[in-house]
Amino acid sequence: MEKMYKILCGRLFDGERTVLEERMEILTEGNRIRAVGRDLPCPEGTEIIDLSDATVTPGLMDAHTHMNFIEWKDFERTMLYQSPAWKGMAVLYNARKGLRRGFTAMRHCGTNSNDAYASIDAKRLINAGYFEGARLVIAPHYVTCSNSHGDISHRVAQNPALGEKLWRDYPGAGCGPYEFRDIVRTQIKYGADYIKIFANGGFTTPNDSPDDLTLCEDELKSIIDTAHQLKKKVTAHAYSTETIRLLVRLGIDGIEHGSLLDDPELIAEMEEKDVYLIPNFAAYDQIIFGTEELLKKMIPAMREKIPRYAERMLCSRELVMKSRLRIGYGTDFVMAHNCYESGYEFISWMKMGADPLRVLRAATSVNATILELPETGAVKPGYLADLAAWRRDLLHDPEALLDCAFVMKDGVIYPVEKSE
């Protein structure tokens, strides 16, 4: 008989209903949830896990991470100078750290440098049981064009020979619909779970802005159509209303950021077409709520752009939070926090007055649909035994998700770590 646990819950959030149930119990057998209820039978040999002083949830999911670096302060240096092997081992490191903080699944949203598809190898090693880590969903490399936000050669623009070497060595680099079609096919051939497009510029790159469309319509259509033909979803780094409108018309499945989305009619169209949004609120708090002291520490491109965009971003947040969009929980931490410190996103949602149970749904059952991980994201019989528990008050404490008390993945209990 497979290992069985009976988990005594002080409160239970099942991932689907926006309620907390008191004094519930969960019976797991092997890697599955066998029963959920009160006064459950306790077969011989079952181990009791007493979490009666905690709130139990499904294992949480971070739908937007970049996992090829270890310390956020070394992000740029890692992308330029570390080897593909280093970047792959960083994915394994971050997957373990995320799991130990209660996030049993993490979605890797690509890298802007050649890691030799190491993120996919990391996923395979975890799935095979050789390494401890969260479930991974992988887009290995951004699909992007030269001089865009995804072009790492910006960092060495004063050395064109080196810049061209970096650019030509990058698996996601392309130009024109035919080349991008082949790039999509190649990424899927080597194991991509989905495709990530860089459709707008960004805040940290010097030669573009978040309003700039960086790929042509025929290129975007080629990427989306090719991925869909191969039964893979497509998401896009996109900020502006105009770019998002174009992507929705072309059949995009999801939007990352959407921080300048300000058209209620477009939001309604996204709701109707079920285009999901991963807003990454915490990653942009420093832009909206930044101080003069913080601005001085930022790179020149960000210092110049932030004052022009903060008000628009705040207005967009208000519209998005009032919408019925399928909003997922994702962090995009490459500054201020390490990528495994996913609990900080909860603080941003709470700061905006979000219902905490809505946030938890975003991090569980909603993200399960975005990550395409069936039988996860909810506590119900037959689902995978991915569970977490939290002793701090999830309804009122914005920092509650920084302090995981218990984590189980696939019916196996792992050590926990607190976020710094």
Protein backbone atom coordinates (compact mmCIF):
# COMPACT_ATOMS: atom_id res chain seq x y z
CA MET A 1 0.00 0.00 0.00
CA GLU A 2 1.25 3.49 -0.84
CA LYS A 3 2.10 5.97 1.90
CA MET A 4 -0.97 7.64 3.38
CA TYR A 5 -1.30 10.92 5.29
CA LYS A 6 -4.26 12.40 7.12
CA ILE A 7 -3.85 16.18 7.28
CA LEU A 8 -5.81 18.05 9.95
CA CYS A 9 -6.55 21.58 8.70
CA GLY A 10 -7.41 24.52 10.94
CA ARG A 11 -8.88 26.12 7.83
CA LEU A 12 -8.99 24.94 4.23
CA PHE A 13 -8.98 26.98 1.03
CA ASP A 14 -9.79 24.47 -1.71
CA GLY A 15 -8.52 26.61 -4.61
CA GLU A 16 -11.89 27.06 -6.29
CA ARG A 17 -14.39 28.55 -3.84
CA THR A 18 -13.68 31.90 -2.19
CA VAL A 19 -14.32 30.60 1.33
CA LEU A 20 -12.26 29.16 4.15
CA GLU A 21 -13.72 26.01 5.70
CA GLU A 22 -13.00 25.25 9.35
CA ARG A 23 -11.65 21.96 10.74
CA MET A 24 -11.41 20.06 7.48
CA GLU A 25 -9.31 16.97 6.81
CA ILE A 26 -7.42 15.74 3.76
CA LEU A 27 -6.50 12.09 3.18
CA THR A 28 -3.68 11.47 0.70
CA GLU A 29 -2.54 8.15 -0.75
CA GLY A 30 0.65 8.06 -2.76
CA ASN A 31 0.72 11.17 -4.95
CA ARG A 32 -3.06 11.72 -4.94
CA ILE A 33 -5.73 13.21 -2.73
CA ARG A 34 -8.04 10.38 -1.73
CA ALA A 35 -10.68 12.22 0.31
CA VAL A 36 -11.56 15.66 1.69
CA GLY A 37 -14.05 16.24 4.51
CA ARG A 38 -14.59 15.97 8.25
CA ASP A 39 -14.05 12.92 10.46
CA LEU A 40 -12.44 10.97 7.65
CA PRO A 41 -11.55 7.32 8.28
CA CYS A 42 -7.91 6.67 9.14
CA PRO A 43 -6.66 3.42 7.55
CA GLU A 44 -4.01 1.50 9.47
CA GLY A 45 -0.54 2.92 8.93
CA THR A 46 -1.77 6.42 8.06
CA GLU A 47 0.46 9.21 9.39
CA ILE A 48 -1.29 12.18 10.99
CA ILE A 49 -0.10 15.69 10.05
CA ASP A 50 -1.50 18.22 12.51
CA LEU A 51 -1.97 21.60 10.81
CA SER A 52 -4.92 22.57 12.98
CA ASP A 53 -3.22 25.92 13.69
CA ALA A 54 -2.77 26.74 9.99
CA THR A 55 -4.63 27.41 6.75
CA VAL A 56 -4.08 24.71 4.14
CA THR A 57 -4.21 25.58 0.44
CA PRO A 58 -3.33 23.85 -2.80
CA GLY A 59 0.33 24.23 -3.64
CA LEU A 60 0.71 27.73 -5.06
CA MET A 61 1.90 28.52 -8.59
CA ASP A 62 3.98 31.40 -9.94
CA ALA A 63 3.03 31.95 -13.58
CA HIS A 64 5.88 34.29 -14.53
CA THR A 65 9.46 33.61 -13.45
CA HIS A 66 12.92 33.87 -15.01
CA MET A 67 15.02 31.13 -13.45
CA ASN A 68 18.43 31.21 -15.18
CA PHE A 69 20.14 33.34 -12.51
CA ILE A 70 20.64 32.96 -8.77
CA GLU A 71 21.05 36.42 -7.20
CA TRP A 72 18.97 39.24 -8.69
CA LYS A 73 21.85 41.70 -8.35
CA ASP A 74 23.86 39.47 -10.70
CA PHE A 75 21.09 39.06 -13.30
CA GLU A 76 22.72 41.08 -16.11
CA ARG A 77 26.16 39.62 -15.47
CA THR A 78 24.80 36.08 -15.41
CA MET A 79 23.04 36.47 -18.74
CA LEU A 80 26.22 37.78 -20.39
CA TYR A 81 29.00 35.79 -18.79
CA GLN A 82 27.79 32.54 -17.24
CA SER A 83 27.75 29.29 -19.18
CA PRO A 84 24.66 27.38 -20.33
CA ALA A 85 25.46 24.76 -17.66
CA TRP A 86 25.42 27.44 -14.94
CA LYS A 87 22.06 28.74 -16.16
CA GLY A 88 20.57 25.24 -16.14
CA MET A 89 21.79 24.60 -12.60
CA ALA A 90 20.32 27.95 -11.56
CA VAL A 91 16.92 26.69 -12.74
CA LEU A 92 17.28 23.64 -10.51
CA TYR A 93 18.35 25.84 -7.59
CA ASN A 94 15.39 28.19 -7.99
CA ALA A 95 12.89 25.35 -8.46
CA ARG A 96 13.97 23.90 -5.12
CA LYS A 97 13.86 27.26 -3.35
CA GLY A 98 10.40 28.01 -4.77
CA LEU A 99 9.04 24.61 -3.71
CA ARG A 100 10.30 25.11 -0.16
CA ARG A 101 8.36 28.38 -0.01
CA GLY A 102 5.05 26.70 -0.87
CA PHE A 103 5.08 27.18 -4.66
CA THR A 104 4.75 23.70 -6.11
CA ALA A 105 4.70 24.93 -9.74
CA MET A 106 6.67 27.67 -11.51
CA ARG A 107 6.35 28.87 -15.10
CA HIS A 108 9.68 29.85 -16.66
CA CYS A 109 9.05 32.70 -19.11
CA GLY A 110 12.31 32.37 -21.01
CA THR A 111 15.72 33.95 -21.12
CA ASN A 112 17.44 36.46 -23.39
CA SER A 113 20.68 34.49 -23.73
CA ASN A 114 21.65 31.08 -25.03
CA ASP A 115 21.27 28.48 -22.27
CA ALA A 116 21.37 25.51 -24.70
CA TYR A 117 17.79 24.63 -23.68
CA ALA A 118 19.05 23.91 -20.16
CA SER A 119 15.74 24.97 -18.60
CA ILE A 120 14.04 22.07 -20.37
CA ASP A 121 16.69 19.66 -19.11
CA ALA A 122 16.11 20.98 -15.57
CA LYS A 123 12.40 20.24 -15.91
CA ARG A 124 13.11 16.71 -17.13
CA LEU A 125 15.50 16.01 -14.24
CA ILE A 126 12.94 17.18 -11.68
CA ASN A 127 10.20 15.14 -13.32
CA ALA A 128 12.44 12.06 -13.27
CA GLY A 129 13.00 12.50 -9.53
CA TYR A 130 16.72 13.25 -9.63
CA PHE A 131 16.29 16.74 -8.13
CA GLU A 132 13.86 18.31 -5.69
CA GLY A 133 11.89 21.15 -7.22
CA ALA A 134 8.61 22.71 -8.24
CA ARG A 135 6.79 21.50 -11.35
CA LEU A 136 8.16 23.53 -14.25
CA VAL A 137 6.39 24.86 -17.33
CA ILE A 138 8.95 26.13 -19.82
CA ALA A 139 9.25 28.69 -22.59
CA PRO A 140 13.01 28.30 -23.17
CA HIS A 141 13.87 31.51 -25.07
CA TYR A 142 12.07 34.73 -25.91
CA VAL A 143 10.97 35.01 -29.54
CA THR A 144 12.21 38.47 -30.40
CA CYS A 145 13.92 40.73 -32.92
CA SER A 146 17.10 42.78 -33.03
CA ASN A 147 17.18 46.04 -31.03
CA SER A 148 14.18 44.92 -28.97
CA HIS A 149 13.69 44.53 -25.23
CA GLY A 150 14.71 40.87 -25.57
CA ASP A 151 18.00 41.65 -27.34
CA ILE A 152 20.87 41.05 -24.90
CA SER A 153 23.38 42.69 -27.26
CA HIS A 154 22.10 46.08 -26.01
CA ARG A 155 24.46 45.51 -23.10
CA VAL A 156 27.54 45.44 -25.36
CA ALA A 157 26.41 47.89 -28.06
CA GLN A 158 29.77 49.65 -27.98
CA ASN A 159 31.35 46.45 -29.30
CA PRO A 160 29.35 45.53 -32.44
CA ALA A 161 31.41 42.43 -33.18
CA LEU A 162 30.64 40.98 -29.75
CA GLY A 163 27.04 42.15 -29.98
CA GLU A 164 26.50 40.37 -33.29
CA LYS A 165 28.07 37.19 -31.92
CA LEU A 166 25.71 37.22 -28.94
CA TRP A 167 22.71 37.96 -31.15
CA ARG A 168 23.41 35.32 -33.78
CA ASP A 169 24.02 32.74 -31.05
CA TYR A 170 20.60 33.32 -29.51
CA PRO A 171 17.95 30.66 -30.36
CA GLY A 172 15.01 33.10 -30.21
CA ALA A 173 16.46 35.72 -32.55
CA GLY A 174 14.70 36.25 -35.86
CA CYS A 175 13.46 38.57 -38.58
CA GLY A 176 10.51 38.06 -40.89
CA PRO A 177 7.58 35.64 -40.78
CA TYR A 178 9.42 32.71 -42.36
CA GLU A 179 12.34 32.77 -39.94
CA PHE A 180 10.05 33.15 -36.95
CA ARG A 181 7.97 30.22 -38.16
CA ASP A 182 11.06 28.03 -38.04
CA ILE A 183 12.09 29.39 -34.62
CA VAL A 184 8.71 28.37 -33.17
CA ARG A 185 8.96 24.91 -34.70
CA THR A 186 12.48 24.49 -33.35
CA GLN A 187 11.57 25.55 -29.79
CA ILE A 188 8.66 23.13 -29.74
CA LYS A 189 10.84 20.36 -31.18
CA TYR A 190 13.25 20.71 -28.27
CA GLY A 191 10.51 20.68 -25.63
CA ALA A 192 8.93 24.13 -25.21
CA ASP A 193 5.61 23.93 -23.35
CA TYR A 194 4.48 27.27 -24.82
CA ILE A 195 5.86 30.24 -26.79
CA LYS A 196 6.73 33.65 -25.37
CA ILE A 197 6.83 36.71 -27.69
CA PHE A 198 8.43 40.08 -26.97
CA ALA A 199 5.93 42.38 -28.68
CA ASN A 200 6.65 45.71 -26.92
CA GLY A 201 9.76 47.47 -25.71
CA GLY A 202 10.47 47.81 -22.02
CA PHE A 203 11.66 49.92 -19.13
CA THR A 204 15.26 48.73 -18.85
CA THR A 205 16.40 48.82 -22.48
CA PRO A 206 17.78 52.11 -23.86
CA ASN A 207 16.46 52.13 -27.46
CA ASP A 208 12.75 51.40 -27.03
CA SER A 209 9.78 52.20 -24.85
CA PRO A 210 6.85 50.19 -23.45
CA ASP A 211 4.65 51.77 -26.14
CA ASP A 212 6.79 50.56 -29.06
CA LEU A 213 5.62 47.66 -31.20
CA THR A 214 8.85 45.74 -31.88
CA LEU A 215 7.57 43.04 -34.24
CA CYS A 216 5.57 43.51 -37.44
CA GLU A 217 2.03 42.21 -37.80
CA ASP A 218 3.03 39.50 -40.28
CA GLU A 219 5.76 38.31 -37.90
CA LEU A 220 3.36 38.15 -34.96
CA LYS A 221 0.77 36.30 -37.02
CA SER A 222 3.36 33.78 -38.18
CA ILE A 223 4.46 33.05 -34.60
CA ILE A 224 0.93 32.68 -33.23
CA ASP A 225 -0.40 30.63 -36.15
CA THR A 226 2.58 28.27 -36.18
CA ALA A 227 2.40 27.60 -32.45
CA HIS A 228 -1.35 26.97 -32.62
CA GLN A 229 -0.87 24.64 -35.55
CA LEU A 230 1.46 22.65 -33.28
CA LYS A 231 -1.08 22.80 -30.43
CA LYS A 232 0.94 25.15 -28.22
CA LYS A 233 -0.29 28.33 -26.52
CA VAL A 234 1.35 31.73 -27.02
CA THR A 235 1.79 34.57 -24.56
CA ALA A 236 3.30 38.00 -25.15
CA HIS A 237 5.29 40.55 -23.23
CA ALA A 238 3.04 43.51 -24.04
CA TYR A 239 2.21 46.81 -22.35
CA SER A 240 0.28 49.14 -24.63
CA THR A 241 -3.40 49.03 -25.49
CA GLU A 242 -2.63 49.27 -29.23
CA THR A 243 -0.27 46.28 -29.16
CA ILE A 244 -2.60 44.19 -27.02
CA ARG A 245 -5.50 44.98 -29.36
CA LEU A 246 -3.45 43.70 -32.31
CA LEU A 247 -2.39 40.56 -30.45
CA VAL A 248 -5.97 39.78 -29.41
CA ARG A 249 -7.10 40.16 -33.02
CA LEU A 250 -4.34 37.76 -34.11
CA GLY A 251 -5.45 35.11 -31.60
CA ILE A 252 -2.98 35.47 -28.70
CA ASP A 253 -3.73 33.25 -25.70
CA GLY A 254 -2.33 35.46 -22.95
CA ILE A 255 -0.66 38.73 -22.07
CA GLU A 256 2.22 39.25 -19.66
CA HIS A 257 2.24 42.64 -17.86
CA GLY A 258 -0.44 44.61 -19.75
CA SER A 259 0.57 47.52 -17.55
CA LEU A 260 -0.71 50.28 -19.88
CA LEU A 261 -3.99 48.57 -20.79
CA ASP A 262 -6.56 51.37 -20.50
CA ASP A 263 -9.44 50.55 -22.85
CA PRO A 264 -12.57 49.06 -21.20
CA GLU A 265 -13.85 47.82 -24.57
CA LEU A 266 -10.63 45.90 -25.22
CA ILE A 267 -10.78 44.45 -21.72
CA ALA A 268 -14.34 43.30 -22.45
CA GLU A 269 -13.14 41.68 -25.69
CA MET A 270 -10.37 39.90 -23.78
CA GLU A 271 -12.95 38.66 -21.29
CA GLU A 272 -15.15 37.36 -24.11
CA LYS A 273 -12.24 35.60 -25.84
CA ASP A 274 -10.81 34.38 -22.51
CA VAL A 275 -7.39 35.96 -23.07
CA TYR A 276 -5.66 35.67 -19.71
CA LEU A 277 -3.51 38.37 -18.11
CA ILE A 278 -0.48 37.98 -15.83
CA PRO A 279 -0.06 41.55 -14.50
CA ASN A 280 3.11 41.05 -12.37
CA PHE A 281 2.07 43.82 -9.99
CA ALA A 282 4.99 43.53 -7.58
CA ALA A 283 7.59 43.88 -10.32
CA TYR A 284 6.25 47.36 -11.11
CA ASP A 285 5.57 48.66 -7.60
CA GLN A 286 8.93 50.40 -7.67
CA ILE A 287 7.77 52.32 -10.75
CA ILE A 288 4.40 53.35 -9.35
CA PHE A 289 5.41 53.88 -5.74
CA GLY A 290 9.11 54.64 -6.24
CA THR A 291 10.91 57.26 -4.17
CA GLU A 292 13.64 59.66 -5.24
CA GLU A 293 16.11 57.52 -3.30
CA LEU A 294 15.04 54.41 -5.19
CA LEU A 295 15.17 56.20 -8.55
CA LYS A 296 18.81 57.11 -7.97
CA LYS A 297 19.72 53.41 -7.69
CA MET A 298 18.09 52.48 -11.01
CA ILE A 299 19.79 52.23 -14.37
CA PRO A 300 19.54 55.37 -16.56
CA ALA A 301 16.89 53.95 -18.91
CA MET A 302 14.51 53.28 -16.01
CA ARG A 303 15.17 56.62 -14.33
CA GLU A 304 14.21 58.39 -17.55
CA LYS A 305 11.08 56.35 -18.29
CA ILE A 306 9.47 55.90 -14.90
CA PRO A 307 8.07 59.43 -14.43
CA ARG A 308 6.32 59.19 -17.82
CA TYR A 309 4.52 55.93 -17.09
CA ALA A 310 3.66 55.74 -13.37
CA GLU A 311 0.27 57.46 -13.59
CA ARG A 312 -0.83 55.44 -16.64
CA MET A 313 0.17 52.21 -14.91
CA LEU A 314 -1.81 53.03 -11.80
CA CYS A 315 -4.94 53.81 -13.86
CA SER A 316 -4.51 50.53 -15.74
CA ARG A 317 -4.29 48.57 -12.48
CA GLU A 318 -7.59 50.00 -11.33
CA LEU A 319 -9.34 48.97 -14.56
CA VAL A 320 -7.83 45.48 -14.51
CA MET A 321 -8.76 44.85 -10.89
CA LYS A 322 -12.40 45.76 -11.61
CA SER A 323 -12.55 43.45 -14.63
CA ARG A 324 -13.62 39.83 -15.03
CA LEU A 325 -10.39 38.93 -16.81
CA ARG A 326 -8.77 35.58 -16.07
CA ILE A 327 -5.94 37.07 -14.05
CA GLY A 328 -3.06 34.84 -12.99
CA TYR A 329 -0.53 35.25 -10.21
CA GLY A 330 3.02 35.85 -11.49
CA THR A 331 6.03 37.81 -10.28
CA ASP A 332 8.64 38.49 -13.01
CA PHE A 333 11.33 39.13 -10.39
CA VAL A 334 14.67 40.12 -11.90
CA MET A 335 15.08 43.19 -9.70
CA ALA A 336 14.52 43.79 -5.98
CA HIS A 337 13.71 40.10 -5.23
CA ASN A 338 15.04 36.72 -6.26
CA CYS A 339 12.80 34.75 -8.59
CA TYR A 340 11.82 32.16 -5.97
CA GLU A 341 10.49 34.79 -3.52
CA SER A 342 7.04 34.56 -5.05
CA GLY A 343 5.16 35.53 -1.89
CA TYR A 344 5.93 39.21 -2.42
CA GLU A 345 3.31 39.43 -5.17
CA PHE A 346 0.62 38.85 -2.54
CA ILE A 347 1.64 42.11 -0.84
CA SER A 348 0.98 44.10 -4.02
CA TRP A 349 -2.49 42.64 -4.57
CA MET A 350 -3.40 43.34 -0.94
CA LYS A 351 -2.05 46.91 -1.24
CA MET A 352 -4.57 47.45 -4.05
CA GLY A 353 -7.44 46.19 -1.91
CA ALA A 354 -7.90 42.83 -3.64
CA ASP A 355 -9.92 40.11 -1.93
CA PRO A 356 -7.17 37.80 -0.58
CA LEU A 357 -9.14 34.72 -1.60
CA ARG A 358 -9.27 36.05 -5.16
CA VAL A 359 -5.49 36.31 -5.04
CA LEU A 360 -5.23 32.74 -3.79
CA ARG A 361 -7.54 31.55 -6.58
CA ALA A 362 -5.25 33.32 -9.06
CA ALA A 363 -2.27 31.43 -7.61
CA THR A 364 -4.03 28.06 -7.64
CA SER A 365 -6.99 27.06 -9.81
CA VAL A 366 -6.67 29.99 -12.24
CA ASN A 367 -2.96 29.42 -12.73
CA ALA A 368 -3.57 25.70 -13.20
CA THR A 369 -5.54 26.57 -16.36
CA ILE A 370 -2.86 28.99 -17.57
CA LEU A 371 0.00 26.56 -16.92
CA GLU A 372 -2.09 23.71 -18.37
CA LEU A 373 -1.50 21.53 -15.33
CA PRO A 374 -4.67 19.45 -14.99
CA GLU A 375 -5.44 17.85 -11.62
CA THR A 376 -3.59 20.60 -9.77
CA GLY A 377 -4.67 23.91 -8.24
CA ALA A 378 -7.48 22.47 -6.11
CA VAL A 379 -7.95 20.25 -3.08
CA LYS A 380 -10.34 17.56 -4.27
CA PRO A 381 -10.36 13.77 -4.53
CA GLY A 382 -8.32 12.43 -7.43
CA TYR A 383 -6.17 15.55 -7.75
CA LEU A 384 -2.43 15.50 -7.23
CA ALA A 385 -1.35 15.87 -3.60
CA ASP A 386 0.26 19.30 -4.00
CA LEU A 387 -0.47 21.19 -0.79
CA ALA A 388 0.85 24.08 1.29
CA ALA A 389 0.02 25.52 4.70
CA TRP A 390 0.38 28.96 6.24
CA ARG A 391 0.22 29.92 9.92
CA ARG A 392 -0.08 33.67 9.36
CA ASP A 393 -3.47 35.25 8.65
CA LEU A 394 -4.08 34.99 4.90
CA LEU A 395 -7.10 37.27 5.10
CA HIS A 396 -5.37 40.25 6.72
CA ASP A 397 -1.58 39.82 6.70
CA PRO A 398 -0.04 40.99 3.40
CA GLU A 399 3.19 39.14 4.22
CA ALA A 400 1.51 35.82 4.97
CA LEU A 401 2.85 34.09 1.84
CA LEU A 402 6.44 34.86 2.83
CA ASP A 403 6.20 32.32 5.65
CA CYS A 404 5.27 28.82 4.49
CA ALA A 405 4.63 26.32 7.31
CA PHE A 406 4.25 23.10 5.28
CA VAL A 407 4.61 21.94 1.71
CA MET A 408 3.81 18.69 -0.05
CA LYS A 409 4.29 17.89 -3.73
CA ASP A 410 3.19 14.62 -5.30
CA GLY A 411 2.43 13.29 -1.82
CA VAL A 412 6.00 13.91 -0.58
CA ILE A 413 6.66 16.35 2.29
CA TYR A 414 9.56 18.79 1.81
CA PRO A 415 11.42 21.13 4.17
CA VAL A 416 10.21 24.74 4.22
CA GLU A 417 12.14 28.01 4.08
CA LYS A 418 11.05 31.54 4.87
CA SER A 419 11.58 34.38 2.45
CA GLU A 420 14.18 36.88 3.55
